[in-house]
Amino acid sequence: MLNFTDVTEFILLGLTSCREWQVLFFVIFLLVYMITVVGNISMILLIKVSPQLSSPMYFFLSHLSFVDVWFSSNVTPKMLENLLSETKMISYAGCLVQCFFLIALVHVEVFILAVMAFDRHMAIGNPLLYGSKMSRTVCIRLISFPYVYGFLISLVSTLWTYGLYFCGKIEINHFYCADPPLIKMACAGTFVKEYTMITLAGINFAYSLTAVVLSYLFILIAILRMNSAEGRRKAFSTCGSHVTAVVIFYRTLIFMYLRRPTEESAERAKMAAVFYTTVVPMLNPMIYSLRNKDVKEAMSKVIGRTIL
């Protein structure tokens, strides 16, 4: 048997073997990637230069945009290269690195979404104490946890991936290196890896989702206690963008990582992976800008100053 360290490269089968479709997908995903990078970097810069976007909510949003750029850049450039390449290879080291950053950034993003939900709870449930409770120091501590925890979890998970055995099989039925297709093609060492993946994903997604649900439960209670209809409308509008992002991201992740890899689920999993590695990072800045009055006003001011 070949150990993972004895394998020097893998073949990524990608989304399709049809040449015409590959060219079309290249154009589509190149456009999506460009929109993702430009949109998220623009959001980061807008938050940086706009005084009206200095609240903790936008501090956390800038980190979400940063993670989205990193997340998409971990997968999309290699996918674009392989769409036009005849060999469609990825090195052993490249596969391991891609796995590591993918797992890390998924965990970072889910816990940033949880932190953002907690921030909305503090802003709506305790508006008078919001400034003192969510100080700069507190915000830095809150945002540090997803990064530290996410990368530690990823290190553990990647070490288990290192223990997989591949009996001469080097074709990955996917467009990037990820745990489910690697588990499916391995011939030994899969038991521990598979159940570690499902357990860690289940526990971490459950913890973060519980934090989100509890935060919004308290938010709902606070909104129902408001006497002003305008105050309720404003509270709901500030939460709408975040709820949309949470629903889209979690639904895709649960489909991807809380199922045992099977032949039947492989193609559906690839479609879901396309959605959360390329489309979701592109949608986030649109969701938070189009549905947020402060962001739209800040954008108008920056564009106005630029024109003048």
C-alpha atoms as a PDB file:
ATOM      1  CA  MET A   1       0.000   0.000   0.000  1.00  0.00           C
ATOM      2  CA  LEU A   2       1.056   3.582  -0.693  1.00  0.00           C
ATOM      3  CA  ASN A   3       1.157   5.894   2.297  1.00  0.00           C
ATOM      4  CA  PHE A   4      -0.119   9.444   1.797  1.00  0.00           C
ATOM      5  CA  THR A   5       3.482  10.662   2.008  1.00  0.00           C
ATOM      6  CA  ASP A   6       4.480   8.247  -0.783  1.00  0.00           C
ATOM      7  CA  VAL A   7       1.973   9.813  -3.191  1.00  0.00           C
ATOM      8  CA  THR A   8       3.589  12.662  -5.101  1.00  0.00           C
ATOM      9  CA  GLU A   9       0.534  13.975  -6.940  1.00  0.00           C
ATOM     10  CA  PHE A  10      -3.194  13.540  -7.503  1.00  0.00           C
ATOM     11  CA  ILE A  11      -5.467  13.966 -10.523  1.00  0.00           C
ATOM     12  CA  LEU A  12      -8.451  16.245  -9.952  1.00  0.00           C
ATOM     13  CA  LEU A  13     -11.294  14.984 -12.170  1.00  0.00           C
ATOM     14  CA  GLY A  14     -13.037  18.343 -11.853  1.00  0.00           C
ATOM     15  CA  LEU A  15     -16.622  19.239 -12.675  1.00  0.00           C
ATOM     16  CA  THR A  16     -16.819  17.735 -16.160  1.00  0.00           C
ATOM     17  CA  SER A  17     -14.725  15.959 -18.794  1.00  0.00           C
ATOM     18  CA  CYS A  18     -16.446  17.760 -21.715  1.00  0.00           C
ATOM     19  CA  ARG A  19     -14.043  20.286 -23.247  1.00  0.00           C
ATOM     20  CA  GLU A  20     -16.767  22.713 -24.292  1.00  0.00           C
ATOM     21  CA  TRP A  21     -18.223  22.786 -20.802  1.00  0.00           C
ATOM     22  CA  GLN A  22     -14.759  23.272 -19.305  1.00  0.00           C
ATOM     23  CA  VAL A  23     -14.209  26.429 -21.365  1.00  0.00           C
ATOM     24  CA  LEU A  24     -17.639  27.749 -20.408  1.00  0.00           C
ATOM     25  CA  PHE A  25     -17.050  26.993 -16.722  1.00  0.00           C
ATOM     26  CA  PHE A  26     -13.661  28.728 -16.911  1.00  0.00           C
ATOM     27  CA  VAL A  27     -15.263  31.954 -18.150  1.00  0.00           C
ATOM     28  CA  ILE A  28     -18.084  31.795 -15.589  1.00  0.00           C
ATOM     29  CA  PHE A  29     -15.902  31.032 -12.570  1.00  0.00           C
ATOM     30  CA  LEU A  30     -13.233  33.528 -13.590  1.00  0.00           C
ATOM     31  CA  LEU A  31     -15.923  36.216 -13.635  1.00  0.00           C
ATOM     32  CA  VAL A  32     -17.337  35.013 -10.303  1.00  0.00           C
ATOM     33  CA  TYR A  33     -13.852  34.997  -8.729  1.00  0.00           C
ATOM     34  CA  MET A  34     -13.103  38.527  -9.958  1.00  0.00           C
ATOM     35  CA  ILE A  35     -16.419  39.789  -8.550  1.00  0.00           C
ATOM     36  CA  THR A  36     -15.700  37.994  -5.254  1.00  0.00           C
ATOM     37  CA  VAL A  37     -12.245  39.515  -4.831  1.00  0.00           C
ATOM     38  CA  VAL A  38     -13.233  43.016  -5.926  1.00  0.00           C
ATOM     39  CA  GLY A  39     -16.474  42.981  -3.896  1.00  0.00           C
ATOM     40  CA  ASN A  40     -14.927  41.777  -0.636  1.00  0.00           C
ATOM     41  CA  ILE A  41     -11.796  43.935  -0.863  1.00  0.00           C
ATOM     42  CA  SER A  42     -14.016  46.936  -1.649  1.00  0.00           C
ATOM     43  CA  MET A  43     -16.067  46.146   1.460  1.00  0.00           C
ATOM     44  CA  ILE A  44     -12.915  45.966   3.607  1.00  0.00           C
ATOM     45  CA  LEU A  45     -11.598  49.272   2.241  1.00  0.00           C
ATOM     46  CA  LEU A  46     -15.009  50.958   2.578  1.00  0.00           C
ATOM     47  CA  ILE A  47     -15.222  49.967   6.252  1.00  0.00           C
ATOM     48  CA  LYS A  48     -11.635  51.166   6.762  1.00  0.00           C
ATOM     49  CA  VAL A  49     -12.161  54.671   5.328  1.00  0.00           C
ATOM     50  CA  SER A  50     -15.766  55.369   6.437  1.00  0.00           C
ATOM     51  CA  PRO A  51     -16.186  56.819   9.971  1.00  0.00           C
ATOM     52  CA  GLN A  52     -19.875  55.867  10.000  1.00  0.00           C
ATOM     53  CA  LEU A  53     -18.877  52.193   9.619  1.00  0.00           C
ATOM     54  CA  SER A  54     -16.706  52.136  12.739  1.00  0.00           C
ATOM     55  CA  SER A  55     -19.074  50.092  14.926  1.00  0.00           C
ATOM     56  CA  PRO A  56     -18.186  46.508  15.998  1.00  0.00           C
ATOM     57  CA  MET A  57     -20.703  45.117  13.480  1.00  0.00           C
ATOM     58  CA  TYR A  58     -18.624  46.404  10.566  1.00  0.00           C
ATOM     59  CA  PHE A  59     -15.371  45.408  12.226  1.00  0.00           C
ATOM     60  CA  PHE A  60     -16.595  41.805  12.212  1.00  0.00           C
ATOM     61  CA  LEU A  61     -17.982  42.213   8.674  1.00  0.00           C
ATOM     62  CA  SER A  62     -14.538  43.280   7.430  1.00  0.00           C
ATOM     63  CA  HIS A  63     -13.099  40.043   8.825  1.00  0.00           C
ATOM     64  CA  LEU A  64     -15.865  38.027   7.176  1.00  0.00           C
ATOM     65  CA  SER A  65     -14.948  39.648   3.844  1.00  0.00           C
ATOM     66  CA  PHE A  66     -11.256  38.908   4.457  1.00  0.00           C
ATOM     67  CA  VAL A  67     -12.006  35.236   5.124  1.00  0.00           C
ATOM     68  CA  ASP A  68     -14.241  35.044   2.030  1.00  0.00           C
ATOM     69  CA  VAL A  69     -11.413  36.312  -0.210  1.00  0.00           C
ATOM     70  CA  TRP A  70      -8.973  33.839   1.337  1.00  0.00           C
ATOM     71  CA  PHE A  71     -11.528  31.027   1.182  1.00  0.00           C
ATOM     72  CA  SER A  72     -12.284  31.524  -2.507  1.00  0.00           C
ATOM     73  CA  SER A  73      -8.598  32.034  -3.371  1.00  0.00           C
ATOM     74  CA  ASN A  74      -7.731  28.696  -1.772  1.00  0.00           C
ATOM     75  CA  VAL A  75      -9.864  26.818  -4.315  1.00  0.00           C
ATOM     76  CA  THR A  76     -10.751  28.877  -7.391  1.00  0.00           C
ATOM     77  CA  PRO A  77      -7.317  29.618  -8.964  1.00  0.00           C
ATOM     78  CA  LYS A  78      -6.403  25.901  -9.041  1.00  0.00           C
ATOM     79  CA  MET A  79      -9.852  25.031 -10.382  1.00  0.00           C
ATOM     80  CA  LEU A  80      -9.452  27.612 -13.174  1.00  0.00           C
ATOM     81  CA  GLU A  81      -5.988  26.277 -14.012  1.00  0.00           C
ATOM     82  CA  ASN A  82      -7.252  22.693 -14.262  1.00  0.00           C
ATOM     83  CA  LEU A  83     -10.228  23.660 -16.424  1.00  0.00           C
ATOM     84  CA  LEU A  84      -7.797  24.669 -19.188  1.00  0.00           C
ATOM     85  CA  SER A  85      -5.126  22.069 -18.441  1.00  0.00           C
ATOM     86  CA  GLU A  86      -4.792  18.610 -19.960  1.00  0.00           C
ATOM     87  CA  THR A  87      -3.081  17.058 -16.912  1.00  0.00           C
ATOM     88  CA  LYS A  88      -5.278  18.455 -14.088  1.00  0.00           C
ATOM     89  CA  MET A  89      -2.690  17.555 -11.478  1.00  0.00           C
ATOM     90  CA  ILE A  90      -2.189  18.778  -7.934  1.00  0.00           C
ATOM     91  CA  SER A  91       0.899  17.909  -5.914  1.00  0.00           C
ATOM     92  CA  TYR A  92       0.759  16.002  -2.637  1.00  0.00           C
ATOM     93  CA  ALA A  93       1.941  19.098  -0.760  1.00  0.00           C
ATOM     94  CA  GLY A  94      -0.547  21.292  -2.593  1.00  0.00           C
ATOM     95  CA  CYS A  95      -3.400  18.900  -1.789  1.00  0.00           C
ATOM     96  CA  LEU A  96      -2.493  18.805   1.896  1.00  0.00           C
ATOM     97  CA  VAL A  97      -2.178  22.608   2.086  1.00  0.00           C
ATOM     98  CA  GLN A  98      -5.505  23.070   0.305  1.00  0.00           C
ATOM     99  CA  CYS A  99      -7.203  20.685   2.759  1.00  0.00           C
ATOM    100  CA  PHE A 100      -5.667  22.500   5.720  1.00  0.00           C
ATOM    101  CA  PHE A 101      -6.777  25.979   4.699  1.00  0.00           C
ATOM    102  CA  LEU A 102     -10.209  24.820   3.551  1.00  0.00           C
ATOM    103  CA  ILE A 103     -11.032  23.218   6.911  1.00  0.00           C
ATOM    104  CA  ALA A 104      -9.524  26.140   8.836  1.00  0.00           C
ATOM    105  CA  LEU A 105     -11.408  28.821   6.911  1.00  0.00           C
ATOM    106  CA  VAL A 106     -14.733  26.969   7.110  1.00  0.00           C
ATOM    107  CA  HIS A 107     -14.438  26.893  10.898  1.00  0.00           C
ATOM    108  CA  VAL A 108     -13.259  30.506  11.047  1.00  0.00           C
ATOM    109  CA  GLU A 109     -16.265  31.633   9.002  1.00  0.00           C
ATOM    110  CA  VAL A 110     -18.907  29.722  10.990  1.00  0.00           C
ATOM    111  CA  PHE A 111     -17.616  31.157  14.273  1.00  0.00           C
ATOM    112  CA  ILE A 112     -17.353  34.684  12.832  1.00  0.00           C
ATOM    113  CA  LEU A 113     -21.031  34.348  11.886  1.00  0.00           C
ATOM    114  CA  ALA A 114     -21.715  33.299  15.508  1.00  0.00           C
ATOM    115  CA  VAL A 115     -19.764  36.307  16.828  1.00  0.00           C
ATOM    116  CA  MET A 116     -21.723  38.601  14.506  1.00  0.00           C
ATOM    117  CA  ALA A 117     -25.001  37.195  15.857  1.00  0.00           C
ATOM    118  CA  PHE A 118     -23.809  37.836  19.429  1.00  0.00           C
ATOM    119  CA  ASP A 119     -22.885  41.395  18.420  1.00  0.00           C
ATOM    120  CA  ARG A 120     -26.413  41.998  17.059  1.00  0.00           C
ATOM    121  CA  HIS A 121     -27.845  40.625  20.322  1.00  0.00           C
ATOM    122  CA  MET A 122     -25.766  43.094  22.344  1.00  0.00           C
ATOM    123  CA  ALA A 123     -26.675  46.010  20.072  1.00  0.00           C
ATOM    124  CA  ILE A 124     -30.438  45.367  20.087  1.00  0.00           C
ATOM    125  CA  GLY A 125     -30.868  43.830  23.549  1.00  0.00           C
ATOM    126  CA  ASN A 126     -28.583  46.258  25.434  1.00  0.00           C
ATOM    127  CA  PRO A 127     -28.275  49.416  23.302  1.00  0.00           C
ATOM    128  CA  LEU A 128     -27.309  51.702  26.199  1.00  0.00           C
ATOM    129  CA  LEU A 129     -24.458  49.421  27.300  1.00  0.00           C
ATOM    130  CA  TYR A 130     -23.435  48.374  23.784  1.00  0.00           C
ATOM    131  CA  GLY A 131     -20.527  50.829  23.478  1.00  0.00           C
ATOM    132  CA  SER A 132     -18.960  49.852  26.805  1.00  0.00           C
ATOM    133  CA  LYS A 133     -19.667  46.117  26.563  1.00  0.00           C
ATOM    134  CA  MET A 134     -18.364  45.799  22.990  1.00  0.00           C
ATOM    135  CA  SER A 135     -15.154  47.781  23.389  1.00  0.00           C
ATOM    136  CA  ARG A 136     -12.250  47.501  20.940  1.00  0.00           C
ATOM    137  CA  THR A 137     -10.457  45.078  23.272  1.00  0.00           C
ATOM    138  CA  VAL A 138     -13.520  42.849  23.556  1.00  0.00           C
ATOM    139  CA  CYS A 139     -13.984  42.853  19.769  1.00  0.00           C
ATOM    140  CA  ILE A 140     -10.361  41.835  19.182  1.00  0.00           C
ATOM    141  CA  ARG A 141     -10.706  38.981  21.681  1.00  0.00           C
ATOM    142  CA  LEU A 142     -13.955  37.822  20.089  1.00  0.00           C
ATOM    143  CA  ILE A 143     -12.522  37.844  16.568  1.00  0.00           C
ATOM    144  CA  SER A 144      -9.296  36.132  17.667  1.00  0.00           C
ATOM    145  CA  PHE A 145     -11.115  33.006  18.837  1.00  0.00           C
ATOM    146  CA  PRO A 146     -12.391  31.887  15.381  1.00  0.00           C
ATOM    147  CA  TYR A 147      -8.907  32.190  13.849  1.00  0.00           C
ATOM    148  CA  VAL A 148      -7.036  30.385  16.639  1.00  0.00           C
ATOM    149  CA  TYR A 149      -9.647  27.666  17.112  1.00  0.00           C
ATOM    150  CA  GLY A 150     -10.254  27.161  13.390  1.00  0.00           C
ATOM    151  CA  PHE A 151      -6.599  26.638  12.565  1.00  0.00           C
ATOM    152  CA  LEU A 152      -6.061  24.306  15.533  1.00  0.00           C
ATOM    153  CA  ILE A 153      -9.033  22.150  14.501  1.00  0.00           C
ATOM    154  CA  SER A 154      -7.740  22.129  10.927  1.00  0.00           C
ATOM    155  CA  LEU A 155      -4.289  20.992  12.058  1.00  0.00           C
ATOM    156  CA  VAL A 156      -5.803  18.019  13.904  1.00  0.00           C
ATOM    157  CA  SER A 157      -8.052  17.116  10.969  1.00  0.00           C
ATOM    158  CA  THR A 158      -5.223  17.405   8.421  1.00  0.00           C
ATOM    159  CA  LEU A 159      -3.020  15.113  10.507  1.00  0.00           C
ATOM    160  CA  TRP A 160      -5.779  12.479  10.322  1.00  0.00           C
ATOM    161  CA  THR A 161      -5.872  12.996   6.550  1.00  0.00           C
ATOM    162  CA  TYR A 162      -2.145  12.251   6.532  1.00  0.00           C
ATOM    163  CA  GLY A 163      -2.972   8.796   7.936  1.00  0.00           C
ATOM    164  CA  LEU A 164      -5.031   7.728   4.931  1.00  0.00           C
ATOM    165  CA  TYR A 165      -3.705   4.996   2.594  1.00  0.00           C
ATOM    166  CA  PHE A 166      -4.177   5.019  -1.174  1.00  0.00           C
ATOM    167  CA  CYS A 167      -3.622   1.712  -2.956  1.00  0.00           C
ATOM    168  CA  GLY A 168      -2.381   3.200  -6.207  1.00  0.00           C
ATOM    169  CA  LYS A 169      -5.527   5.332  -6.609  1.00  0.00           C
ATOM    170  CA  ILE A 170      -4.710   8.978  -7.276  1.00  0.00           C
ATOM    171  CA  GLU A 171      -7.866  10.246  -9.028  1.00  0.00           C
ATOM    172  CA  ILE A 172      -9.934  12.596  -6.849  1.00  0.00           C
ATOM    173  CA  ASN A 173     -13.530  12.900  -8.010  1.00  0.00           C
ATOM    174  CA  HIS A 174     -13.678  16.600  -7.212  1.00  0.00           C
ATOM    175  CA  PHE A 175     -12.302  19.963  -8.335  1.00  0.00           C
ATOM    176  CA  TYR A 176     -10.260  20.497  -5.148  1.00  0.00           C
ATOM    177  CA  CYS A 177      -8.769  18.440  -2.334  1.00  0.00           C
ATOM    178  CA  ALA A 178     -11.328  17.880   0.411  1.00  0.00           C
ATOM    179  CA  ASP A 179     -11.943  15.260   3.068  1.00  0.00           C
ATOM    180  CA  PRO A 180     -15.057  13.497   1.637  1.00  0.00           C
ATOM    181  CA  PRO A 181     -13.555  12.609  -1.791  1.00  0.00           C
ATOM    182  CA  LEU A 182     -10.201  11.659  -0.204  1.00  0.00           C
ATOM    183  CA  ILE A 183     -11.967   9.346   2.248  1.00  0.00           C
ATOM    184  CA  LYS A 184     -13.956   7.792  -0.570  1.00  0.00           C
ATOM    185  CA  MET A 185     -10.863   6.980  -2.673  1.00  0.00           C
ATOM    186  CA  ALA A 186      -8.695   5.745   0.233  1.00  0.00           C
ATOM    187  CA  CYS A 187      -8.382   2.011   0.798  1.00  0.00           C
ATOM    188  CA  ALA A 188      -7.287   2.044   4.462  1.00  0.00           C
ATOM    189  CA  GLY A 189      -7.215   4.369   7.450  1.00  0.00           C
ATOM    190  CA  THR A 190     -10.663   5.743   6.641  1.00  0.00           C
ATOM    191  CA  PHE A 191     -12.563   4.716   9.781  1.00  0.00           C
ATOM    192  CA  VAL A 192     -10.871   7.135  12.181  1.00  0.00           C
ATOM    193  CA  LYS A 193     -10.698   9.919   9.605  1.00  0.00           C
ATOM    194  CA  GLU A 194     -14.344   9.629   8.542  1.00  0.00           C
ATOM    195  CA  TYR A 195     -15.778   9.602  12.034  1.00  0.00           C
ATOM    196  CA  THR A 196     -13.375  12.305  13.198  1.00  0.00           C
ATOM    197  CA  MET A 197     -14.542  14.498  10.315  1.00  0.00           C
ATOM    198  CA  ILE A 198     -18.240  13.917  11.044  1.00  0.00           C
ATOM    199  CA  THR A 199     -17.783  14.334  14.824  1.00  0.00           C
ATOM    200  CA  LEU A 200     -15.696  17.515  14.655  1.00  0.00           C
ATOM    201  CA  ALA A 201     -17.920  19.039  11.986  1.00  0.00           C
ATOM    202  CA  GLY A 202     -21.073  18.112  13.898  1.00  0.00           C
ATOM    203  CA  ILE A 203     -19.816  19.461  17.234  1.00  0.00           C
ATOM    204  CA  ASN A 204     -18.429  22.715  15.848  1.00  0.00           C
ATOM    205  CA  PHE A 205     -21.353  23.437  13.543  1.00  0.00           C
ATOM    206  CA  ALA A 206     -23.761  22.646  16.394  1.00  0.00           C
ATOM    207  CA  TYR A 207     -21.915  24.942  18.835  1.00  0.00           C
ATOM    208  CA  SER A 208     -21.748  27.850  16.401  1.00  0.00           C
ATOM    209  CA  LEU A 209     -25.318  27.380  15.184  1.00  0.00           C
ATOM    210  CA  THR A 210     -26.553  27.177  18.793  1.00  0.00           C
ATOM    211  CA  ALA A 211     -24.828  30.501  19.519  1.00  0.00           C
ATOM    212  CA  VAL A 212     -26.550  32.017  16.476  1.00  0.00           C
ATOM    213  CA  VAL A 213     -29.994  30.627  17.362  1.00  0.00           C
ATOM    214  CA  LEU A 214     -29.774  31.701  21.029  1.00  0.00           C
ATOM    215  CA  SER A 215     -28.598  35.183  20.029  1.00  0.00           C
ATOM    216  CA  TYR A 216     -31.534  35.609  17.674  1.00  0.00           C
ATOM    217  CA  LEU A 217     -33.949  34.214  20.233  1.00  0.00           C
ATOM    218  CA  PHE A 218     -32.895  36.978  22.643  1.00  0.00           C
ATOM    219  CA  ILE A 219     -33.017  39.492  19.780  1.00  0.00           C
ATOM    220  CA  LEU A 220     -36.587  38.457  18.974  1.00  0.00           C
ATOM    221  CA  ILE A 221     -37.606  38.847  22.631  1.00  0.00           C
ATOM    222  CA  ALA A 222     -35.998  42.309  22.725  1.00  0.00           C
ATOM    223  CA  ILE A 223     -37.752  43.358  19.500  1.00  0.00           C
ATOM    224  CA  LEU A 224     -41.164  42.199  20.747  1.00  0.00           C
ATOM    225  CA  ARG A 225     -40.685  44.338  23.859  1.00  0.00           C
ATOM    226  CA  MET A 226     -40.110  47.479  21.773  1.00  0.00           C
ATOM    227  CA  ASN A 227     -42.960  50.004  21.774  1.00  0.00           C
ATOM    228  CA  SER A 228     -41.918  51.735  18.553  1.00  0.00           C
ATOM    229  CA  ALA A 229     -42.884  50.160  15.215  1.00  0.00           C
ATOM    230  CA  GLU A 230     -40.008  52.070  13.591  1.00  0.00           C
ATOM    231  CA  GLY A 231     -37.583  50.597  16.123  1.00  0.00           C
ATOM    232  CA  ARG A 232     -38.807  47.088  15.360  1.00  0.00           C
ATOM    233  CA  ARG A 233     -38.487  47.661  11.619  1.00  0.00           C
ATOM    234  CA  LYS A 234     -34.929  48.985  12.004  1.00  0.00           C
ATOM    235  CA  ALA A 235     -33.946  46.061  14.251  1.00  0.00           C
ATOM    236  CA  PHE A 236     -35.288  43.511  11.778  1.00  0.00           C
ATOM    237  CA  SER A 237     -33.526  45.244   8.868  1.00  0.00           C
ATOM    238  CA  THR A 238     -30.127  45.156  10.609  1.00  0.00           C
ATOM    239  CA  CYS A 239     -30.497  41.419  11.233  1.00  0.00           C
ATOM    240  CA  GLY A 240     -31.883  40.421   7.838  1.00  0.00           C
ATOM    241  CA  SER A 241     -28.562  40.418   6.001  1.00  0.00           C
ATOM    242  CA  HIS A 242     -26.850  38.286   8.629  1.00  0.00           C
ATOM    243  CA  VAL A 243     -29.691  35.771   8.809  1.00  0.00           C
ATOM    244  CA  THR A 244     -29.588  35.369   5.015  1.00  0.00           C
ATOM    245  CA  ALA A 245     -25.825  34.734   5.051  1.00  0.00           C
ATOM    246  CA  VAL A 246     -26.138  32.227   7.925  1.00  0.00           C
ATOM    247  CA  VAL A 247     -28.917  30.210   6.258  1.00  0.00           C
ATOM    248  CA  ILE A 248     -27.090  29.970   2.915  1.00  0.00           C
ATOM    249  CA  PHE A 249     -23.740  28.971   4.450  1.00  0.00           C
ATOM    250  CA  TYR A 250     -24.986  26.449   7.012  1.00  0.00           C
ATOM    251  CA  ARG A 251     -27.347  24.627   4.663  1.00  0.00           C
ATOM    252  CA  THR A 252     -24.496  23.962   2.250  1.00  0.00           C
ATOM    253  CA  LEU A 253     -22.027  22.910   4.955  1.00  0.00           C
ATOM    254  CA  ILE A 254     -24.452  20.481   6.586  1.00  0.00           C
ATOM    255  CA  PHE A 255     -25.013  18.823   3.211  1.00  0.00           C
ATOM    256  CA  MET A 256     -21.242  18.619   2.604  1.00  0.00           C
ATOM    257  CA  TYR A 257     -19.764  17.451   5.904  1.00  0.00           C
ATOM    258  CA  LEU A 258     -22.477  15.736   7.950  1.00  0.00           C
ATOM    259  CA  ARG A 259     -23.013  12.875   5.483  1.00  0.00           C
ATOM    260  CA  ARG A 260     -20.976   9.768   4.816  1.00  0.00           C
ATOM    261  CA  PRO A 261     -19.229   9.972   1.406  1.00  0.00           C
ATOM    262  CA  THR A 262     -20.984   7.700  -1.136  1.00  0.00           C
ATOM    263  CA  GLU A 263     -20.991   7.266  -4.876  1.00  0.00           C
ATOM    264  CA  GLU A 264     -24.508   8.676  -5.129  1.00  0.00           C
ATOM    265  CA  SER A 265     -23.663  11.818  -3.167  1.00  0.00           C
ATOM    266  CA  ALA A 266     -20.407  12.609  -5.020  1.00  0.00           C
ATOM    267  CA  GLU A 267     -21.903  14.608  -7.891  1.00  0.00           C
ATOM    268  CA  ARG A 268     -24.388  16.441  -5.679  1.00  0.00           C
ATOM    269  CA  ALA A 269     -21.571  17.239  -3.243  1.00  0.00           C
ATOM    270  CA  LYS A 270     -19.544  18.801  -6.069  1.00  0.00           C
ATOM    271  CA  MET A 271     -22.436  21.081  -6.968  1.00  0.00           C
ATOM    272  CA  ALA A 272     -22.846  22.074  -3.321  1.00  0.00           C
ATOM    273  CA  ALA A 273     -19.089  22.687  -3.078  1.00  0.00           C
ATOM    274  CA  VAL A 274     -19.217  24.974  -6.112  1.00  0.00           C
ATOM    275  CA  PHE A 275     -21.891  26.979  -4.341  1.00  0.00           C
ATOM    276  CA  TYR A 276     -20.117  27.483  -1.018  1.00  0.00           C
ATOM    277  CA  THR A 277     -16.557  27.924  -2.349  1.00  0.00           C
ATOM    278  CA  THR A 278     -17.346  30.341  -5.192  1.00  0.00           C
ATOM    279  CA  VAL A 279     -20.914  31.673  -5.034  1.00  0.00           C
ATOM    280  CA  VAL A 280     -21.320  32.297  -1.279  1.00  0.00           C
ATOM    281  CA  PRO A 281     -18.126  34.416  -0.972  1.00  0.00           C
ATOM    282  CA  MET A 282     -19.392  36.473  -3.921  1.00  0.00           C
ATOM    283  CA  LEU A 283     -22.883  36.902  -2.429  1.00  0.00           C
ATOM    284  CA  ASN A 284     -21.849  38.029   1.068  1.00  0.00           C
ATOM    285  CA  PRO A 285     -20.726  41.586   0.163  1.00  0.00           C
ATOM    286  CA  MET A 286     -23.845  41.970  -2.001  1.00  0.00           C
ATOM    287  CA  ILE A 287     -26.119  40.785   0.821  1.00  0.00           C
ATOM    288  CA  TYR A 288     -24.567  43.154   3.354  1.00  0.00           C
ATOM    289  CA  SER A 289     -24.377  46.163   1.010  1.00  0.00           C
ATOM    290  CA  LEU A 290     -27.701  45.998  -0.834  1.00  0.00           C
ATOM    291  CA  ARG A 291     -29.720  45.479   2.360  1.00  0.00           C
ATOM    292  CA  ASN A 292     -27.800  47.866   4.618  1.00  0.00           C
ATOM    293  CA  LYS A 293     -28.595  51.581   4.645  1.00  0.00           C
ATOM    294  CA  ASP A 294     -25.325  52.606   6.356  1.00  0.00           C
ATOM    295  CA  VAL A 295     -23.190  50.734   3.826  1.00  0.00           C
ATOM    296  CA  LYS A 296     -25.085  52.234   0.887  1.00  0.00           C
ATOM    297  CA  GLU A 297     -24.715  55.755   2.314  1.00  0.00           C
ATOM    298  CA  ALA A 298     -21.010  55.268   2.996  1.00  0.00           C
ATOM    299  CA  MET A 299     -20.524  53.909  -0.520  1.00  0.00           C
ATOM    300  CA  SER A 300     -22.301  56.929  -2.023  1.00  0.00           C
ATOM    301  CA  LYS A 301     -20.097  59.325  -0.053  1.00  0.00           C
ATOM    302  CA  VAL A 302     -16.891  57.551  -1.080  1.00  0.00           C
ATOM    303  CA  ILE A 303     -17.949  57.463  -4.743  1.00  0.00           C
ATOM    304  CA  GLY A 304     -18.927  61.157  -4.534  1.00  0.00           C
ATOM    305  CA  ARG A 305     -15.573  62.139  -3.024  1.00  0.00           C
ATOM    306  CA  THR A 306     -13.756  60.050  -5.643  1.00  0.00           C
ATOM    307  CA  ILE A 307     -15.633  61.737  -8.528  1.00  0.00           C
ATOM    308  CA  LEU A 308     -15.046  65.218  -7.096  1.00  0.00           C
END
